Structure formats: C-alpha cells, structure tokens
Amino acid sequence: MGLTNKCNLNCAHCYSRALPIQSLTLDGVKKILADFPNLKKVNFGTGESILNPELVPIMAYYRERGIEMALTSNGTTIEALSDKHLKWFKDVDISLDFPSRKLHDHWRHPGAYNKAMAGLLRCTRLGINTSIALCLTNINYQYLPQFKKVLNRFNVSLRINLYKPTPTDKFSLNYDQFWHAMRIVAENFALIANSEPILSIIDESKIGKGSPCGGESVRIHPDGTITPCVFLAGKRIGIEEFKKMKNDIPEFCRPCRFVNECRGGCSSRRILKDRYGLPDEYCPFYAGRDVPNIKFTYAGERTGYIHAGYLCTMIIR
C-alpha cells in the first residue's frame, strides 16, 4: 500500500516520481480495507510513509485488526518514528542503491547513506526483521559483492527487485547483465526466497506459478486505485484482465519443461516492454542461448518475510 508518493528524495529510477503527488487518508484506508476482509499482511511503500500525516493512526488501525505490517523506507520514516511505533513493524526494508557512501549519496542525495545506516542500526537493535532493499539496475549490479560487508555488519538480508522500465528503460539490465548479476549472487550469497519466475530454470526450490502479482496480492496506490503490480501504476490494467493475461502463456513457452513454474516469466515486465505474447526477455531458450550454469546455495531461513511472495523479488544473505 502506497500511503503517499511524497518523498524527500527524487531518485532517477523511482517508479512513482512522475505521478501526481497524493496521499491516502485514514478514512480512505478504512473504505479500501472494507473490500479486503481477509487481508493478512501489508507493506507500506511507494513514497516515504512518514510524509503522510496520518501514518501512525493508519498503523494503529492495521494493528488493531491483527494485520502484519512491513515498511520500505530510505531511512527518513525510521528516523521520525518512536521506538514503540517502529516495533509495530514485523519487517523493515531500507533502500540502499550502492554499498558505499560516495556512490549512494551521489545517486540519491548527500546524507542519504548515513541515514540508511542509522536506520539499519536502529531497527536491528530493536530486534526488527530488517533487510536492505536494492533496486537492481545496469548501473549498480556490479557492486553486488560489496553489499556483503554491509549485510555482515548489521546481520541483515538483501532484497533485490529488478528495475522495471517505469518511466524510462535506460536503467534496465540487458540479457547478459541480468545473468551476470545472477552469477554474482550465486557466487557470493545464499538464497532465502525467490519469486522471480524466470529464475525457476536454475532455482530448484522455485515452486511458484509464474508472477505472484495479481493473485493473492494487489497494489493500492496513493490515489486509491488498485493494480495487480506496483510497477503498473502508469499503465492501469485491471486485476481480472491481468489474471487473464497471466494465464495466457506465450505459445513459445508451452512445450518448455519449466512452463508450470515460469509461465512466461514476469508478467509486468512483459507488459511494460510491450512483449506480452513473448517470453521474458531473460529467457535463454528464446534467446537461443544455453541455460546458464549457475547454482544457488540456500540459507537455513526460508520463510517469514512479508515481502517474499507478493511481487517478483529475491531475498539473499
């Protein structure tokens, strides 16, 4: 749920930076949640949640209903909340684009790195399940090994979302960069969770059915609209239409031995790239390449992350 798309930063790769600035009210949240009586978990993302003046009352409303909460933040919301309210979150993800102060601050804003580090320290001291959230682009993927030092310093995990072309495609990884990045992951980290469909061809633990979006999860935007995936905010595709499209497996994929797990790859990425009738752009079979010889190792902890199954993502340690 995007409580607001206001942010104190203006990152070039942000999927919501071009949208009109809006925020949900507590009354608006109550009306929306009336349509989701079986809701179990929610993540607050999109903008910097503390910039919604009703954040704490909204959190209290969820908490009274026993709904588990998670937060994605650049560190500002964490800095502003009291210990009491911060501990209401089961999971906290802190955005970090580069593993060094110089690079991260150059990409986001001077002081952004220190704020993220302070957030990591505070959340881990409070015993909150904490991760670093990384939007993987063609600019930062080669720095993946250096993130290991940050993970070890705070004893946290790393959640990777592949950059989607919203609103520009200039930060997307090409085919070779994507598989190079996955090799780096396999050689330096252990896999905790994976819901990125195309990786089912090398991830023996992947038992999902294509993209998780639009199934047991939806995205509620700051203007109250509902889409099957966060990255489809600029292309309003109804949930039922998305489900229908998701079930329409590309003809090329139907004979594939991985079709039941991959189902054509990330549905949103294919929509955004105007290639819905084609397989995921990272499919080696469609590219006429060999399946990359990449073997993941697996971490002992395999469950418990709110973020693990509601969008195409991977969590590593």
Protein backbone atom coordinates (compact mmCIF):
# COMPACT_ATOMS: atom_id res chain seq x y z
CA MET A 1 0.00 0.00 0.00
CA GLY A 2 1.32 3.38 -1.01
CA LEU A 3 0.15 5.73 1.73
CA THR A 4 1.78 8.58 -0.17
CA ASN A 5 4.09 9.16 -3.10
CA LYS A 6 5.62 12.20 -1.43
CA CYS A 7 9.33 11.76 -0.89
CA ASN A 8 12.19 13.85 0.40
CA LEU A 9 14.36 12.46 -2.40
CA ASN A 10 13.93 12.41 -6.19
CA CYS A 11 15.74 9.29 -7.39
CA ALA A 12 16.11 8.83 -11.15
CA HIS A 13 14.99 5.19 -11.06
CA CYS A 14 11.87 5.68 -8.89
CA TYR A 15 8.71 4.17 -10.37
CA SER A 16 6.42 6.79 -8.78
CA ARG A 17 8.36 10.04 -9.22
CA ALA A 18 6.40 11.10 -12.33
CA LEU A 19 2.95 10.53 -10.79
CA PRO A 20 0.82 13.30 -9.25
CA ILE A 21 1.56 13.79 -5.53
CA GLN A 22 -1.24 12.27 -3.48
CA SER A 23 -1.78 10.63 -0.08
CA LEU A 24 -4.35 8.29 1.41
CA THR A 25 -6.31 9.35 4.48
CA LEU A 26 -7.28 7.10 7.38
CA ASP A 27 -10.90 7.24 6.22
CA GLY A 28 -9.78 6.31 2.73
CA VAL A 29 -7.81 3.37 4.06
CA LYS A 30 -10.84 2.17 6.04
CA LYS A 31 -13.02 2.27 2.93
CA ILE A 32 -10.45 0.39 0.88
CA LEU A 33 -9.89 -2.28 3.52
CA ALA A 34 -13.61 -2.97 3.67
CA ASP A 35 -13.11 -4.68 0.29
CA PHE A 36 -10.31 -6.88 1.69
CA PRO A 37 -11.80 -8.58 4.76
CA ASN A 38 -9.25 -11.42 4.62
CA LEU A 39 -6.17 -9.21 4.47
CA LYS A 40 -3.28 -10.70 6.46
CA LYS A 41 -0.21 -8.63 5.58
CA VAL A 42 0.61 -5.19 4.24
CA ASN A 43 3.75 -3.32 3.22
CA PHE A 44 3.92 0.46 3.19
CA GLY A 45 6.00 1.64 0.25
CA THR A 46 5.83 3.87 -2.87
CA GLY A 47 6.76 7.18 -1.15
CA GLU A 48 8.28 7.96 2.23
CA SER A 49 5.44 6.98 4.55
CA ILE A 50 6.14 9.48 7.34
CA LEU A 51 5.23 12.25 4.88
CA ASN A 52 1.64 11.09 5.22
CA PRO A 53 0.50 12.96 8.38
CA GLU A 54 -1.85 10.10 9.30
CA LEU A 55 0.77 7.36 9.19
CA VAL A 56 0.62 6.45 12.89
CA PRO A 57 -3.22 6.38 13.08
CA ILE A 58 -3.25 4.19 9.95
CA MET A 59 -0.67 1.88 11.52
CA ALA A 60 -2.78 1.68 14.67
CA TYR A 61 -5.84 0.79 12.60
CA TYR A 62 -3.99 -2.13 10.98
CA ARG A 63 -2.52 -3.25 14.29
CA GLU A 64 -5.93 -3.34 15.98
CA ARG A 65 -7.02 -5.78 13.28
CA GLY A 66 -4.05 -8.08 13.71
CA ILE A 67 -2.64 -7.36 10.25
CA GLU A 68 1.13 -7.78 9.99
CA MET A 69 2.90 -4.66 8.74
CA ALA A 70 6.13 -4.05 6.86
CA LEU A 71 7.83 -0.82 5.80
CA THR A 72 10.11 0.16 2.94
CA SER A 73 11.95 3.41 3.67
CA ASN A 74 15.02 5.41 2.70
CA GLY A 75 15.60 5.88 6.44
CA THR A 76 13.56 9.04 6.97
CA THR A 77 10.44 7.31 8.33
CA ILE A 78 12.58 5.18 10.63
CA GLU A 79 14.32 8.26 11.97
CA ALA A 80 11.00 10.00 12.71
CA LEU A 81 9.04 7.18 14.37
CA SER A 82 9.30 6.36 18.07
CA ASP A 83 10.68 3.00 19.19
CA LYS A 84 7.16 1.99 20.18
CA HIS A 85 5.70 2.60 16.74
CA LEU A 86 8.71 1.28 14.85
CA LYS A 87 8.40 -2.03 16.68
CA TRP A 88 4.88 -2.43 15.31
CA PHE A 89 6.50 -3.45 12.02
CA LYS A 90 7.31 -7.11 11.53
CA ASP A 91 9.69 -6.33 8.66
CA VAL A 92 11.57 -3.17 7.68
CA ASP A 93 13.39 -2.74 4.37
CA ILE A 94 15.84 0.14 4.00
CA SER A 95 16.64 1.25 0.47
CA LEU A 96 20.31 1.25 -0.50
CA ASP A 97 21.42 1.56 -4.11
CA PHE A 98 25.17 1.32 -3.60
CA PRO A 99 27.34 -0.16 -0.84
CA SER A 100 29.40 2.99 -0.28
CA ARG A 101 28.59 6.48 0.98
CA LYS A 102 30.12 8.20 -2.04
CA LEU A 103 28.16 6.25 -4.64
CA HIS A 104 24.83 6.12 -2.78
CA ASP A 105 24.88 9.83 -1.92
CA HIS A 106 25.84 10.74 -5.49
CA TRP A 107 22.88 8.70 -6.78
CA ARG A 108 20.32 9.88 -4.21
CA HIS A 109 21.32 12.90 -2.10
CA PRO A 110 24.14 13.88 0.27
CA GLY A 111 23.45 12.32 3.66
CA ALA A 112 21.24 9.52 2.30
CA TYR A 113 23.82 6.83 3.08
CA ASN A 114 24.27 7.85 6.71
CA LYS A 115 20.50 7.97 7.18
CA ALA A 116 20.17 4.45 5.77
CA MET A 117 22.96 3.18 8.02
CA ALA A 118 21.35 4.79 11.07
CA GLY A 119 18.07 3.12 10.15
CA LEU A 120 19.73 -0.29 9.85
CA LEU A 121 21.42 0.12 13.21
CA ARG A 122 18.26 1.24 14.99
CA CYS A 123 15.99 -1.44 13.54
CA THR A 124 18.42 -4.26 14.27
CA ARG A 125 18.93 -3.02 17.84
CA LEU A 126 15.16 -3.08 18.30
CA GLY A 127 15.06 -6.69 17.09
CA ILE A 128 13.03 -5.96 13.95
CA ASN A 129 13.44 -8.30 10.98
CA THR A 130 15.46 -5.96 8.77
CA SER A 131 16.66 -6.07 5.16
CA ILE A 132 18.32 -3.82 2.65
CA ALA A 133 16.14 -3.20 -0.40
CA LEU A 134 18.08 -2.89 -3.65
CA CYS A 135 16.63 -1.89 -7.00
CA LEU A 136 18.99 -3.70 -9.34
CA THR A 137 19.96 -1.63 -12.38
CA ASN A 138 22.54 -1.76 -15.11
CA ILE A 139 24.47 0.82 -13.07
CA ASN A 140 24.77 -0.93 -9.71
CA TYR A 141 24.67 -4.69 -10.38
CA GLN A 142 28.46 -4.99 -10.49
CA TYR A 143 28.65 -3.71 -6.91
CA LEU A 144 26.68 -6.65 -5.54
CA PRO A 145 29.69 -8.37 -3.89
CA GLN A 146 30.46 -5.25 -1.85
CA PHE A 147 26.98 -5.38 -0.27
CA LYS A 148 28.17 -8.47 1.62
CA LYS A 149 30.15 -6.29 4.03
CA VAL A 150 27.07 -4.21 4.85
CA LEU A 151 24.95 -7.33 5.38
CA ASN A 152 27.53 -8.84 7.71
CA ARG A 153 27.96 -5.59 9.63
CA PHE A 154 24.29 -5.44 10.57
CA ASN A 155 23.43 -9.14 10.21
CA VAL A 156 20.62 -8.38 7.75
CA SER A 157 19.47 -9.75 4.39
CA LEU A 158 19.34 -8.15 0.96
CA ARG A 159 16.12 -7.98 -1.06
CA ILE A 160 16.59 -7.47 -4.78
CA ASN A 161 13.96 -6.03 -7.09
CA LEU A 162 14.89 -5.92 -10.76
CA TYR A 163 14.45 -2.46 -12.21
CA LYS A 164 11.31 -2.14 -14.34
CA PRO A 165 11.06 0.42 -17.17
CA THR A 166 8.95 2.99 -15.32
CA PRO A 167 9.13 5.60 -16.73
CA THR A 168 12.40 5.02 -18.63
CA ASP A 169 14.13 1.90 -19.88
CA LYS A 170 17.66 3.27 -19.59
CA PHE A 171 18.37 1.56 -16.25
CA SER A 172 17.18 -1.94 -17.26
CA LEU A 173 19.65 -4.79 -17.32
CA ASN A 174 20.14 -6.39 -20.71
CA TYR A 175 20.21 -10.16 -21.12
CA ASP A 176 23.92 -10.63 -20.41
CA GLN A 177 23.92 -8.19 -17.49
CA PHE A 178 21.00 -9.98 -15.87
CA TRP A 179 22.63 -13.39 -15.98
CA HIS A 180 25.98 -11.92 -14.92
CA ALA A 181 24.20 -10.44 -11.91
CA MET A 182 22.63 -13.80 -11.05
CA ARG A 183 26.04 -15.44 -11.24
CA ILE A 184 27.40 -12.83 -8.83
CA VAL A 185 24.50 -13.57 -6.47
CA ALA A 186 25.12 -17.32 -6.63
CA GLU A 187 28.86 -16.95 -6.01
CA ASN A 188 28.59 -14.54 -3.09
CA PHE A 189 25.27 -15.09 -1.30
CA ALA A 190 22.81 -17.72 -0.10
CA LEU A 191 19.23 -17.61 -1.35
CA ILE A 192 16.47 -17.13 1.23
CA ALA A 193 13.46 -16.58 -1.03
CA ASN A 194 12.81 -16.20 -4.74
CA SER A 195 9.61 -15.28 -6.56
CA GLU A 196 11.24 -14.12 -9.82
CA PRO A 197 9.67 -16.59 -12.31
CA ILE A 198 12.47 -16.74 -14.89
CA LEU A 199 14.87 -17.97 -12.21
CA SER A 200 12.87 -21.18 -11.87
CA ILE A 201 15.06 -22.59 -14.64
CA ILE A 202 18.06 -22.56 -12.27
CA ASP A 203 16.40 -22.39 -8.82
CA GLU A 204 15.40 -25.89 -7.83
CA SER A 205 13.39 -24.56 -4.87
CA LYS A 206 11.12 -22.35 -7.01
CA ILE A 207 7.71 -23.98 -6.93
CA GLY A 208 5.54 -20.95 -7.67
CA LYS A 209 3.26 -20.50 -10.64
CA GLY A 210 4.66 -17.55 -12.55
CA SER A 211 4.37 -13.98 -11.26
CA PRO A 212 2.87 -13.76 -7.77
CA CYS A 213 1.30 -10.37 -8.57
CA GLY A 214 -2.43 -10.19 -9.11
CA GLY A 215 -3.08 -13.45 -7.29
CA GLU A 216 -3.04 -13.28 -3.53
CA SER A 217 -1.62 -9.75 -3.65
CA VAL A 218 -2.55 -6.38 -5.09
CA ARG A 219 -1.12 -2.88 -5.02
CA ILE A 220 -3.10 0.05 -3.60
CA HIS A 221 -1.78 3.38 -4.82
CA PRO A 222 -1.90 6.77 -3.05
CA ASP A 223 -4.81 7.86 -5.24
CA GLY A 224 -6.82 4.82 -4.15
CA THR A 225 -6.54 2.93 -7.43
CA ILE A 226 -5.75 -0.78 -7.27
CA THR A 227 -3.42 -2.57 -9.67
CA PRO A 228 -2.04 -6.11 -9.70
CA CYS A 229 1.56 -4.90 -9.50
CA VAL A 230 3.28 -1.81 -8.13
CA PHE A 231 5.08 -1.18 -11.41
CA LEU A 232 1.86 -0.95 -13.40
CA ALA A 233 0.89 2.35 -11.80
CA GLY A 234 1.40 4.13 -15.10
CA LYS A 235 -0.50 1.52 -17.10
CA ARG A 236 -3.82 0.86 -15.39
CA ILE A 237 -4.55 -2.79 -16.03
CA GLY A 238 -7.42 -4.26 -14.08
CA ILE A 239 -6.76 -7.21 -11.80
CA GLU A 240 -9.09 -9.55 -13.67
CA GLU A 241 -7.60 -8.56 -17.03
CA PHE A 242 -4.12 -9.10 -15.59
CA LYS A 243 -5.07 -12.57 -14.33
CA LYS A 244 -6.43 -13.47 -17.75
CA MET A 245 -3.28 -12.25 -19.45
CA LYS A 246 -1.14 -14.10 -16.91
CA ASN A 247 -2.90 -17.35 -17.72
CA ASP A 248 -2.36 -16.84 -21.45
CA ILE A 249 1.07 -18.44 -21.63
CA PRO A 250 3.12 -17.44 -24.70
CA GLU A 251 2.97 -20.05 -27.42
CA PHE A 252 6.77 -20.35 -27.44
CA CYS A 253 6.73 -21.35 -23.75
CA ARG A 254 4.10 -24.07 -23.83
CA PRO A 255 6.42 -27.02 -24.67
CA CYS A 256 9.06 -25.87 -22.14
CA ARG A 257 9.80 -28.18 -19.21
CA PHE A 258 9.74 -25.16 -16.89
CA VAL A 259 6.40 -23.81 -18.09
CA ASN A 260 4.49 -24.68 -14.90
CA GLU A 261 6.93 -22.74 -12.71
CA CYS A 262 7.92 -19.87 -15.02
CA ARG A 263 4.73 -19.41 -17.11
CA GLY A 264 6.47 -16.98 -19.42
CA GLY A 265 8.33 -15.00 -16.76
CA CYS A 266 7.49 -11.73 -15.04
CA SER A 267 4.09 -10.62 -16.34
CA SER A 268 4.58 -6.94 -15.52
CA ARG A 269 7.98 -6.78 -17.20
CA ARG A 270 6.45 -8.28 -20.35
CA ILE A 271 3.56 -5.78 -20.26
CA LEU A 272 5.86 -2.82 -19.74
CA LYS A 273 8.14 -3.96 -22.57
CA ASP A 274 5.14 -4.43 -24.93
CA ARG A 275 6.03 -8.08 -25.42
CA TYR A 276 3.22 -9.84 -23.64
CA GLY A 277 2.87 -12.55 -26.29
CA LEU A 278 6.58 -13.33 -25.97
CA PRO A 279 8.62 -14.95 -23.19
CA ASP A 280 10.50 -12.99 -20.55
CA GLU A 281 13.37 -11.08 -22.15
CA TYR A 282 15.82 -13.02 -19.93
CA CYS A 283 14.71 -16.43 -21.24
CA PRO A 284 17.78 -18.27 -22.58
CA PHE A 285 15.65 -20.63 -24.68
CA TYR A 286 14.03 -17.76 -26.59
CA ALA A 287 17.44 -16.05 -26.92
CA GLY A 288 18.92 -19.22 -28.41
CA ARG A 289 21.42 -19.49 -25.56
CA ASP A 290 22.42 -22.30 -23.22
CA VAL A 291 20.87 -22.32 -19.77
CA PRO A 292 23.43 -20.54 -17.56
CA ASN A 293 25.37 -22.93 -15.36
CA ILE A 294 24.50 -21.18 -12.13
CA LYS A 295 23.86 -22.97 -8.86
CA PHE A 296 22.37 -21.20 -5.87
CA THR A 297 23.17 -22.18 -2.33
CA TYR A 298 20.32 -21.90 0.14
CA ALA A 299 20.11 -20.24 3.53
CA GLY A 300 18.64 -22.03 6.51
CA GLU A 301 15.87 -19.46 6.98
CA ARG A 302 13.41 -19.84 4.14
CA THR A 303 10.18 -18.21 5.36
CA GLY A 304 8.82 -15.36 7.43
CA TYR A 305 9.43 -12.34 5.20
CA ILE A 306 6.31 -10.36 4.32
CA HIS A 307 7.99 -9.25 1.09
CA ALA A 308 8.87 -12.76 -0.01
CA GLY A 309 5.80 -13.68 -2.03
CA TYR A 310 3.73 -10.71 -3.14
CA LEU A 311 5.89 -9.46 -6.01
CA CYS A 312 8.74 -10.67 -8.21
CA THR A 313 11.71 -10.38 -5.88
CA MET A 314 14.53 -12.34 -4.30
CA ILE A 315 15.97 -12.25 -0.80
CA ILE A 316 19.58 -13.27 -0.19
CA ARG A 317 22.05 -13.33 2.67
